[in-house]
Amino acid sequence: HGTLDAKAQRRIGLPWSSSLVNRTCVAVGGTILTA
């Protein structure tokens, strides 16, 4: 939902966006499917 605090965001190192959320989840789905 994009409500992580700034420190937690910096620790990740990638700026938040709704498209990055989708990319992150789809990539997880990719590894599940690969397995």
All heavy atoms as atom14 arrays in JSON, in Angstrom:
{
  "sequence": "HGTLDAKAQRRIGLPWSSSLVNRTCVAVGGTILTA",
  "atom14_mask": [
    [1, 1, 1, 1, 1, 1, 1, 1, 1, 1, 0, 0, 0, 0],
    [1, 1, 1, 1, 0, 0, 0, 0, 0, 0, 0, 0, 0, 0],
    [1, 1, 1, 1, 1, 1, 1, 0, 0, 0, 0, 0, 0, 0],
    [1, 1, 1, 1, 1, 1, 1, 1, 0, 0, 0, 0, 0, 0],
    [1, 1, 1, 1, 1, 1, 1, 1, 0, 0, 0, 0, 0, 0],
    [1, 1, 1, 1, 1, 0, 0, 0, 0, 0, 0, 0, 0, 0],
    [1, 1, 1, 1, 1, 1, 1, 1, 1, 0, 0, 0, 0, 0],
    [1, 1, 1, 1, 1, 0, 0, 0, 0, 0, 0, 0, 0, 0],
    [1, 1, 1, 1, 1, 1, 1, 1, 1, 0, 0, 0, 0, 0],
    [1, 1, 1, 1, 1, 1, 1, 1, 1, 1, 1, 0, 0, 0],
    [1, 1, 1, 1, 1, 1, 1, 1, 1, 1, 1, 0, 0, 0],
    [1, 1, 1, 1, 1, 1, 1, 1, 0, 0, 0, 0, 0, 0],
    [1, 1, 1, 1, 0, 0, 0, 0, 0, 0, 0, 0, 0, 0],
    [1, 1, 1, 1, 1, 1, 1, 1, 0, 0, 0, 0, 0, 0],
    [1, 1, 1, 1, 1, 1, 1, 0, 0, 0, 0, 0, 0, 0],
    [1, 1, 1, 1, 1, 1, 1, 1, 1, 1, 1, 1, 1, 1],
    [1, 1, 1, 1, 1, 1, 0, 0, 0, 0, 0, 0, 0, 0],
    [1, 1, 1, 1, 1, 1, 0, 0, 0, 0, 0, 0, 0, 0],
    [1, 1, 1, 1, 1, 1, 0, 0, 0, 0, 0, 0, 0, 0],
    [1, 1, 1, 1, 1, 1, 1, 1, 0, 0, 0, 0, 0, 0],
    [1, 1, 1, 1, 1, 1, 1, 0, 0, 0, 0, 0, 0, 0],
    [1, 1, 1, 1, 1, 1, 1, 1, 0, 0, 0, 0, 0, 0],
    [1, 1, 1, 1, 1, 1, 1, 1, 1, 1, 1, 0, 0, 0],
    [1, 1, 1, 1, 1, 1, 1, 0, 0, 0, 0, 0, 0, 0],
    [1, 1, 1, 1, 1, 1, 0, 0, 0, 0, 0, 0, 0, 0],
    [1, 1, 1, 1, 1, 1, 1, 0, 0, 0, 0, 0, 0, 0],
    [1, 1, 1, 1, 1, 0, 0, 0, 0, 0, 0, 0, 0, 0],
    [1, 1, 1, 1, 1, 1, 1, 0, 0, 0, 0, 0, 0, 0],
    [1, 1, 1, 1, 0, 0, 0, 0, 0, 0, 0, 0, 0, 0],
    [1, 1, 1, 1, 0, 0, 0, 0, 0, 0, 0, 0, 0, 0],
    [1, 1, 1, 1, 1, 1, 1, 0, 0, 0, 0, 0, 0, 0],
    [1, 1, 1, 1, 1, 1, 1, 1, 0, 0, 0, 0, 0, 0],
    [1, 1, 1, 1, 1, 1, 1, 1, 0, 0, 0, 0, 0, 0],
    [1, 1, 1, 1, 1, 1, 1, 0, 0, 0, 0, 0, 0, 0],
    [1, 1, 1, 1, 1, 0, 0, 0, 0, 0, 0, 0, 0, 0]
  ],
  "atom14_positions": [
    [[0.81, -1.22, 0.0], [0.0, 0.0, 0.0], [0.84, 1.27, 0.0], [0.3, 2.38, 0.04], [-0.94, 0.0, 1.22], [-1.95, -1.1, 1.16], [-2.39, -1.76, 2.29], [-2.58, -1.68, 0.11], [-3.27, -2.7, 1.94], [-3.4, -2.67, 0.62], [0.0, 0.0, 0.0], [0.0, 0.0, 0.0], [0.0, 0.0, 0.0], [0.0, 0.0, 0.0]],
    [[2.17, 1.12, -0.01], [3.03, 2.29, -0.08], [3.13, 3.09, 1.2], [3.39, 4.29, 1.17], [0.0, 0.0, 0.0], [0.0, 0.0, 0.0], [0.0, 0.0, 0.0], [0.0, 0.0, 0.0], [0.0, 0.0, 0.0], [0.0, 0.0, 0.0], [0.0, 0.0, 0.0], [0.0, 0.0, 0.0], [0.0, 0.0, 0.0], [0.0, 0.0, 0.0]],
    [[2.94, 2.42, 2.34], [2.97, 3.13, 3.62], [4.19, 2.78, 4.47], [4.23, 3.1, 5.66], [1.68, 2.85, 4.43], [1.55, 1.43, 4.64], [0.45, 3.35, 3.68], [0.0, 0.0, 0.0], [0.0, 0.0, 0.0], [0.0, 0.0, 0.0], [0.0, 0.0, 0.0], [0.0, 0.0, 0.0], [0.0, 0.0, 0.0], [0.0, 0.0, 0.0]],
    [[5.19, 2.12, 3.87], [6.43, 1.86, 4.6], [7.1, 3.18, 4.97], [7.07, 4.12, 4.18], [7.4, 1.07, 3.73], [7.45, -0.46, 3.79], [8.65, -0.94, 3.0], [7.48, -0.98, 5.2], [0.0, 0.0, 0.0], [0.0, 0.0, 0.0], [0.0, 0.0, 0.0], [0.0, 0.0, 0.0], [0.0, 0.0, 0.0], [0.0, 0.0, 0.0]],
    [[7.74, 3.23, 6.13], [8.43, 4.47, 6.5], [9.7, 4.64, 5.67], [10.2, 3.7, 5.05], [8.74, 4.49, 8.01], [9.7, 3.39, 8.42], [10.89, 3.5, 8.07], [9.27, 2.44, 9.1], [0.0, 0.0, 0.0], [0.0, 0.0, 0.0], [0.0, 0.0, 0.0], [0.0, 0.0, 0.0], [0.0, 0.0, 0.0], [0.0, 0.0, 0.0]],
    [[10.21, 5.87, 5.68], [11.34, 6.23, 4.8], [12.58, 5.4, 5.09], [13.31, 5.0, 4.16], [11.65, 7.72, 4.95], [0.0, 0.0, 0.0], [0.0, 0.0, 0.0], [0.0, 0.0, 0.0], [0.0, 0.0, 0.0], [0.0, 0.0, 0.0], [0.0, 0.0, 0.0], [0.0, 0.0, 0.0], [0.0, 0.0, 0.0], [0.0, 0.0, 0.0]],
    [[12.83, 5.09, 6.34], [14.02, 4.3, 6.7], [13.93, 2.89, 6.12], [14.91, 2.36, 5.57], [14.16, 4.24, 8.23], [15.4, 3.52, 8.7], [15.49, 3.5, 10.22], [16.71, 2.72, 10.69], [16.77, 2.62, 12.17], [0.0, 0.0, 0.0], [0.0, 0.0, 0.0], [0.0, 0.0, 0.0], [0.0, 0.0, 0.0], [0.0, 0.0, 0.0]],
    [[12.75, 2.29, 6.23], [12.55, 0.93, 5.68], [12.69, 0.95, 4.16], [13.22, 0.01, 3.56], [11.18, 0.4, 6.1], [0.0, 0.0, 0.0], [0.0, 0.0, 0.0], [0.0, 0.0, 0.0], [0.0, 0.0, 0.0], [0.0, 0.0, 0.0], [0.0, 0.0, 0.0], [0.0, 0.0, 0.0], [0.0, 0.0, 0.0], [0.0, 0.0, 0.0]],
    [[12.21, 2.03, 3.54], [12.33, 2.17, 2.09], [13.79, 2.28, 1.66], [14.21, 1.66, 0.7], [11.62, 3.45, 1.69], [10.41, 3.43, 0.8], [9.99, 2.19, 0.08], [8.92, 1.7, 0.35], [10.78, 1.71, -0.85], [0.0, 0.0, 0.0], [0.0, 0.0, 0.0], [0.0, 0.0, 0.0], [0.0, 0.0, 0.0], [0.0, 0.0, 0.0]],
    [[14.56, 3.06, 2.43], [15.99, 3.24, 2.11], [16.74, 1.92, 2.23], [17.67, 1.65, 1.46], [16.62, 4.3, 3.02], [16.32, 5.74, 2.6], [17.26, 6.72, 3.29], [17.21, 6.62, 4.74], [16.32, 7.27, 5.51], [15.41, 8.05, 4.95], [16.34, 7.13, 6.81], [0.0, 0.0, 0.0], [0.0, 0.0, 0.0], [0.0, 0.0, 0.0]],
    [[16.36, 1.13, 3.2], [17.04, -0.16, 3.41], [16.83, -1.07, 2.2], [17.72, -1.86, 1.84], [16.52, -0.83, 4.68], [17.29, -2.07, 5.06], [16.98, -2.52, 6.47], [17.95, -3.51, 6.9], [18.1, -3.95, 8.14], [17.35, -3.44, 9.1], [19.02, -4.85, 8.43], [0.0, 0.0, 0.0], [0.0, 0.0, 0.0], [0.0, 0.0, 0.0]],
    [[15.67, -0.99, 1.57], [15.41, -1.77, 0.36], [16.26, -1.24, -0.8], [16.84, -2.01, -1.56], [13.91, -1.72, -0.01], [13.1, -2.53, 1.02], [13.67, -2.26, -1.42], [11.6, -2.35, 0.91], [0.0, 0.0, 0.0], [0.0, 0.0, 0.0], [0.0, 0.0, 0.0], [0.0, 0.0, 0.0], [0.0, 0.0, 0.0], [0.0, 0.0, 0.0]],
    [[16.32, 0.08, -0.94], [17.16, 0.69, -1.98], [16.47, 0.9, -3.31], [17.11, 1.27, -4.29], [0.0, 0.0, 0.0], [0.0, 0.0, 0.0], [0.0, 0.0, 0.0], [0.0, 0.0, 0.0], [0.0, 0.0, 0.0], [0.0, 0.0, 0.0], [0.0, 0.0, 0.0], [0.0, 0.0, 0.0], [0.0, 0.0, 0.0], [0.0, 0.0, 0.0]],
    [[15.15, 0.66, -3.35], [14.37, 0.86, -4.57], [13.19, 1.78, -4.24], [12.46, 1.52, -3.29], [13.83, -0.47, -5.11], [14.86, -1.5, -5.56], [14.21, -2.86, -5.78], [15.56, -1.05, -6.84], [0.0, 0.0, 0.0], [0.0, 0.0, 0.0], [0.0, 0.0, 0.0], [0.0, 0.0, 0.0], [0.0, 0.0, 0.0], [0.0, 0.0, 0.0]],
    [[12.99, 2.84, -5.01], [11.88, 3.76, -4.72], [10.53, 3.1, -4.97], [10.35, 2.4, -5.98], [12.13, 4.93, -5.69], [12.92, 4.34, -6.81], [13.76, 3.25, -6.2], [0.0, 0.0, 0.0], [0.0, 0.0, 0.0], [0.0, 0.0, 0.0], [0.0, 0.0, 0.0], [0.0, 0.0, 0.0], [0.0, 0.0, 0.0], [0.0, 0.0, 0.0]],
    [[9.58, 3.32, -4.06], [8.29, 2.65, -4.15], [7.47, 3.14, -5.34], [7.47, 4.33, -5.66], [7.49, 2.89, -2.87], [6.22, 2.09, -2.81], [6.06, 0.84, -2.3], [4.93, 2.47, -3.34], [4.77, 0.41, -2.47], [4.04, 1.39, -3.09], [4.45, 3.61, -3.98], [2.71, 1.42, -3.46], [3.11, 3.64, -4.36], [2.25, 2.56, -4.1]],
    [[6.78, 2.22, -5.97], [5.77, 2.57, -6.97], [4.81, 1.39, -7.07], [5.16, 0.25, -6.72], [6.38, 2.84, -8.35], [6.92, 1.66, -8.91], [0.0, 0.0, 0.0], [0.0, 0.0, 0.0], [0.0, 0.0, 0.0], [0.0, 0.0, 0.0], [0.0, 0.0, 0.0], [0.0, 0.0, 0.0], [0.0, 0.0, 0.0], [0.0, 0.0, 0.0]],
    [[3.59, 1.64, -7.52], [2.62, 0.54, -7.66], [3.11, -0.47, -8.69], [2.87, -1.69, -8.54], [1.25, 1.09, -8.03], [1.32, 1.83, -9.24], [0.0, 0.0, 0.0], [0.0, 0.0, 0.0], [0.0, 0.0, 0.0], [0.0, 0.0, 0.0], [0.0, 0.0, 0.0], [0.0, 0.0, 0.0], [0.0, 0.0, 0.0], [0.0, 0.0, 0.0]],
    [[3.81, -0.02, -9.73], [4.33, -0.96, -10.73], [5.45, -1.83, -10.15], [5.58, -3.0, -10.51], [4.82, -0.22, -11.98], [5.83, 0.7, -11.66], [0.0, 0.0, 0.0], [0.0, 0.0, 0.0], [0.0, 0.0, 0.0], [0.0, 0.0, 0.0], [0.0, 0.0, 0.0], [0.0, 0.0, 0.0], [0.0, 0.0, 0.0], [0.0, 0.0, 0.0]],
    [[6.23, -1.27, -9.22], [7.27, -2.08, -8.57], [6.64, -3.11, -7.62], [7.14, -4.23, -7.5], [8.26, -1.19, -7.82], [9.46, -1.94, -7.22], [10.29, -2.62, -8.3], [10.35, -1.0, -6.41], [0.0, 0.0, 0.0], [0.0, 0.0, 0.0], [0.0, 0.0, 0.0], [0.0, 0.0, 0.0], [0.0, 0.0, 0.0], [0.0, 0.0, 0.0]],
    [[5.55, -2.75, -6.97], [4.82, -3.71, -6.14], [4.38, -4.89, -7.0], [4.59, -6.06, -6.65], [3.59, -3.06, -5.46], [2.74, -4.13, -4.77], [4.02, -2.0, -4.47], [0.0, 0.0, 0.0], [0.0, 0.0, 0.0], [0.0, 0.0, 0.0], [0.0, 0.0, 0.0], [0.0, 0.0, 0.0], [0.0, 0.0, 0.0], [0.0, 0.0, 0.0]],
    [[3.78, -4.58, -8.14], [3.31, -5.64, -9.04], [4.48, -6.48, -9.53], [4.41, -7.71, -9.56], [2.56, -5.03, -10.22], [2.02, -6.1, -11.15], [1.2, -6.92, -10.76], [2.49, -6.11, -12.39], [0.0, 0.0, 0.0], [0.0, 0.0, 0.0], [0.0, 0.0, 0.0], [0.0, 0.0, 0.0], [0.0, 0.0, 0.0], [0.0, 0.0, 0.0]],
    [[5.58, -5.82, -9.92], [6.77, -6.52, -10.4], [7.3, -7.49, -9.34], [7.65, -8.63, -9.62], [7.85, -5.5, -10.77], [9.09, -6.13, -11.35], [10.32, -5.95, -10.48], [11.4, -6.71, -11.09], [11.87, -7.85, -10.6], [11.41, -8.33, -9.47], [12.82, -8.51, -11.22], [0.0, 0.0, 0.0], [0.0, 0.0, 0.0], [0.0, 0.0, 0.0]],
    [[7.36, -7.0, -8.11], [7.86, -7.8, -6.99], [7.01, -9.06, -6.79], [7.54, -10.17, -6.64], [7.84, -6.96, -5.7], [8.71, -5.83, -5.89], [8.29, -7.76, -4.51], [0.0, 0.0, 0.0], [0.0, 0.0, 0.0], [0.0, 0.0, 0.0], [0.0, 0.0, 0.0], [0.0, 0.0, 0.0], [0.0, 0.0, 0.0], [0.0, 0.0, 0.0]],
    [[5.7, -8.89, -6.81], [4.8, -10.02, -6.57], [4.8, -10.99, -7.75], [4.8, -12.22, -7.56], [3.39, -9.51, -6.29], [3.26, -8.55, -4.76], [0.0, 0.0, 0.0], [0.0, 0.0, 0.0], [0.0, 0.0, 0.0], [0.0, 0.0, 0.0], [0.0, 0.0, 0.0], [0.0, 0.0, 0.0], [0.0, 0.0, 0.0], [0.0, 0.0, 0.0]],
    [[4.82, -10.47, -8.97], [4.84, -11.34, -10.16], [6.15, -12.16, -10.19], [6.14, -13.35, -10.55], [4.67, -10.52, -11.45], [4.94, -11.37, -12.68], [3.26, -9.95, -11.52], [0.0, 0.0, 0.0], [0.0, 0.0, 0.0], [0.0, 0.0, 0.0], [0.0, 0.0, 0.0], [0.0, 0.0, 0.0], [0.0, 0.0, 0.0], [0.0, 0.0, 0.0]],
    [[7.27, -11.54, -9.79], [8.54, -12.27, -9.76], [8.51, -13.4, -8.73], [9.07, -14.48, -8.96], [9.7, -11.31, -9.47], [0.0, 0.0, 0.0], [0.0, 0.0, 0.0], [0.0, 0.0, 0.0], [0.0, 0.0, 0.0], [0.0, 0.0, 0.0], [0.0, 0.0, 0.0], [0.0, 0.0, 0.0], [0.0, 0.0, 0.0], [0.0, 0.0, 0.0]],
    [[7.86, -13.16, -7.59], [7.67, -14.23, -6.61], [6.84, -15.36, -7.23], [7.17, -16.55, -7.11], [6.99, -13.69, -5.33], [6.51, -14.83, -4.44], [7.94, -12.78, -4.56], [0.0, 0.0, 0.0], [0.0, 0.0, 0.0], [0.0, 0.0, 0.0], [0.0, 0.0, 0.0], [0.0, 0.0, 0.0], [0.0, 0.0, 0.0], [0.0, 0.0, 0.0]],
    [[5.76, -14.97, -7.94], [4.96, -15.97, -8.64], [5.78, -16.74, -9.66], [5.56, -17.94, -9.88], [0.0, 0.0, 0.0], [0.0, 0.0, 0.0], [0.0, 0.0, 0.0], [0.0, 0.0, 0.0], [0.0, 0.0, 0.0], [0.0, 0.0, 0.0], [0.0, 0.0, 0.0], [0.0, 0.0, 0.0], [0.0, 0.0, 0.0], [0.0, 0.0, 0.0]],
    [[6.76, -16.06, -10.26], [7.64, -16.72, -11.23], [8.48, -17.81, -10.6], [8.67, -18.89, -11.18], [0.0, 0.0, 0.0], [0.0, 0.0, 0.0], [0.0, 0.0, 0.0], [0.0, 0.0, 0.0], [0.0, 0.0, 0.0], [0.0, 0.0, 0.0], [0.0, 0.0, 0.0], [0.0, 0.0, 0.0], [0.0, 0.0, 0.0], [0.0, 0.0, 0.0]],
    [[8.99, -17.56, -9.41], [9.79, -18.57, -8.73], [8.92, -19.73, -8.25], [9.33, -20.9, -8.32], [10.6, -17.94, -7.58], [11.5, -16.97, -8.14], [11.41, -18.98, -6.83], [0.0, 0.0, 0.0], [0.0, 0.0, 0.0], [0.0, 0.0, 0.0], [0.0, 0.0, 0.0], [0.0, 0.0, 0.0], [0.0, 0.0, 0.0], [0.0, 0.0, 0.0]],
    [[7.71, -19.43, -7.8], [6.78, -20.51, -7.43], [6.5, -21.39, -8.64], [6.57, -22.63, -8.56], [5.47, -19.93, -6.87], [5.72, -19.19, -5.55], [4.42, -21.04, -6.67], [4.53, -18.37, -5.05], [0.0, 0.0, 0.0], [0.0, 0.0, 0.0], [0.0, 0.0, 0.0], [0.0, 0.0, 0.0], [0.0, 0.0, 0.0], [0.0, 0.0, 0.0]],
    [[6.2, -20.77, -9.78], [5.92, -21.53, -11.0], [7.15, -22.32, -11.46], [7.03, -23.49, -11.87], [5.46, -20.58, -12.11], [5.18, -21.22, -13.48], [4.13, -22.32, -13.4], [4.77, -20.14, -14.49], [0.0, 0.0, 0.0], [0.0, 0.0, 0.0], [0.0, 0.0, 0.0], [0.0, 0.0, 0.0], [0.0, 0.0, 0.0], [0.0, 0.0, 0.0]],
    [[8.33, -21.71, -11.37], [9.56, -22.4, -11.75], [9.76, -23.66, -10.9], [10.12, -24.72, -11.42], [10.77, -21.46, -11.59], [10.56, -20.28, -12.38], [12.06, -22.12, -12.05], [0.0, 0.0, 0.0], [0.0, 0.0, 0.0], [0.0, 0.0, 0.0], [0.0, 0.0, 0.0], [0.0, 0.0, 0.0], [0.0, 0.0, 0.0], [0.0, 0.0, 0.0]],
    [[9.5, -23.54, -9.61], [9.64, -24.7, -8.72], [8.63, -25.79, -9.08], [8.96, -26.98, -9.09], [9.46, -24.25, -7.27], [0.0, 0.0, 0.0], [0.0, 0.0, 0.0], [0.0, 0.0, 0.0], [0.0, 0.0, 0.0], [0.0, 0.0, 0.0], [0.0, 0.0, 0.0], [0.0, 0.0, 0.0], [0.0, 0.0, 0.0], [0.0, 0.0, 0.0]]
  ]
}
